[in-house]
Amino acid sequence: MAEKQNWYLICYDIRDPKRWRKAYKLLKGYGESLQFSIFRCLLTQRNCEKLRWELEKILEPEDALLLVGLCERCRERLCGCNRPGAWIESSDAHQIF
């Protein structure tokens, strides 16, 4: 049985360019960049914790990290004004009810 996946909005403010690049590269492996420091990721709870742990190894106390879990209703209400259809899921996803 597959683990349930949820959307997460991940935002960060990293003071050092070297740490910023490391975090950006790490997040590119987990999701899609919406802006320079904002990603959307479809993750299981296990992968979300793994990502948070990997980011904590990169970040320093002066940096900030925000992980926001999005329910389906919240996700539907988000709009990217200059990116129509930015939250459309790929058609190859399978769901079993």
Protein backbone atom coordinates (compact mmCIF):
# COMPACT_ATOMS: atom_id res chain seq x y z
CA MET A 1 0.00 0.00 0.00
CA ALA A 2 1.43 3.36 -1.02
CA GLU A 3 1.86 6.14 1.50
CA LYS A 4 -0.44 9.13 1.21
CA GLN A 5 1.15 12.18 -0.38
CA ASN A 6 0.33 15.78 0.45
CA TRP A 7 1.34 19.09 -1.06
CA TYR A 8 3.78 21.23 0.89
CA LEU A 9 4.78 24.81 0.32
CA ILE A 10 8.41 25.25 1.39
CA CYS A 11 9.81 28.74 1.88
CA TYR A 12 13.23 29.73 3.10
CA ASP A 13 15.31 32.79 3.75
CA ILE A 14 19.00 31.92 3.72
CA ARG A 15 21.56 34.64 4.34
CA ASP A 16 24.61 33.01 2.74
CA PRO A 17 24.63 32.43 -1.08
CA LYS A 18 26.56 29.17 -0.74
CA ARG A 19 24.01 27.70 1.70
CA TRP A 20 21.18 29.08 -0.46
CA ARG A 21 22.51 27.20 -3.52
CA LYS A 22 22.83 23.96 -1.53
CA ALA A 23 19.25 24.25 -0.29
CA TYR A 24 17.99 25.16 -3.78
CA LYS A 25 19.71 22.13 -5.34
CA LEU A 26 18.36 19.83 -2.63
CA LEU A 27 14.80 21.10 -3.09
CA LYS A 28 15.00 20.74 -6.90
CA GLY A 29 15.19 16.99 -6.23
CA TYR A 30 11.97 17.07 -4.21
CA GLY A 31 9.70 19.49 -6.03
CA GLU A 32 9.16 22.46 -8.30
CA SER A 33 10.47 25.98 -7.81
CA LEU A 34 7.70 28.59 -7.81
CA GLN A 35 10.02 31.47 -6.94
CA PHE A 36 13.68 31.72 -5.93
CA SER A 37 13.01 30.67 -2.34
CA ILE A 38 9.60 29.01 -2.61
CA PHE A 39 8.99 25.42 -3.68
CA ARG A 40 5.97 23.19 -3.95
CA CYS A 41 6.50 19.51 -3.25
CA LEU A 42 4.24 16.47 -3.28
CA LEU A 43 5.62 14.40 -0.41
CA THR A 44 4.81 11.57 1.91
CA GLN A 45 5.13 12.35 5.60
CA ARG A 46 8.33 10.29 5.68
CA ASN A 47 9.86 12.24 2.76
CA CYS A 48 8.82 15.54 4.33
CA GLU A 49 10.67 14.66 7.53
CA LYS A 50 13.70 13.48 5.55
CA LEU A 51 13.75 16.75 3.58
CA ARG A 52 13.40 18.83 6.75
CA TRP A 53 16.29 16.90 8.34
CA GLU A 54 18.49 17.40 5.24
CA LEU A 55 17.69 21.13 5.17
CA GLU A 56 18.49 21.50 8.87
CA LYS A 57 21.99 20.17 8.15
CA ILE A 58 22.49 23.00 5.61
CA LEU A 59 20.86 25.88 7.50
CA GLU A 60 22.37 28.01 10.24
CA PRO A 61 20.48 29.65 13.14
CA GLU A 62 20.32 32.95 11.23
CA ASP A 63 18.39 31.28 8.37
CA ALA A 64 14.63 30.71 8.29
CA LEU A 65 12.65 27.73 7.01
CA LEU A 66 8.88 27.37 6.67
CA LEU A 67 7.14 24.13 5.67
CA VAL A 68 3.40 24.49 5.16
CA GLY A 69 1.27 21.41 4.63
CA LEU A 70 -1.61 22.11 2.26
CA CYS A 71 -4.93 20.31 2.40
CA GLU A 72 -6.73 19.74 -0.89
CA ARG A 73 -9.07 22.68 -0.28
CA CYS A 74 -6.16 25.05 0.43
CA ARG A 75 -4.31 23.84 -2.66
CA GLU A 76 -7.36 24.49 -4.84
CA ARG A 77 -7.64 28.06 -3.57
CA LEU A 78 -4.04 28.99 -4.39
CA CYS A 79 -3.52 30.96 -7.53
CA GLY A 80 -0.39 31.94 -9.35
CA CYS A 81 -1.44 35.14 -11.05
CA ASN A 82 1.21 35.03 -13.74
CA ARG A 83 1.29 31.23 -14.02
CA PRO A 84 -2.10 29.86 -15.03
CA GLY A 85 -2.47 26.18 -14.29
CA ALA A 86 0.59 26.11 -12.04
CA TRP A 87 -1.03 23.63 -9.66
CA ILE A 88 -2.33 21.11 -12.18
CA GLU A 89 -1.22 17.61 -11.29
CA SER A 90 0.27 15.38 -13.94
CA SER A 91 -2.14 12.93 -15.54
CA ASP A 92 0.10 9.94 -14.83
CA ALA A 93 -0.77 9.99 -11.11
CA HIS A 94 -2.88 7.08 -9.90
CA GLN A 95 -5.20 7.16 -6.95
CA ILE A 96 -6.92 4.22 -5.34
CA PHE A 97 -10.01 4.91 -3.27
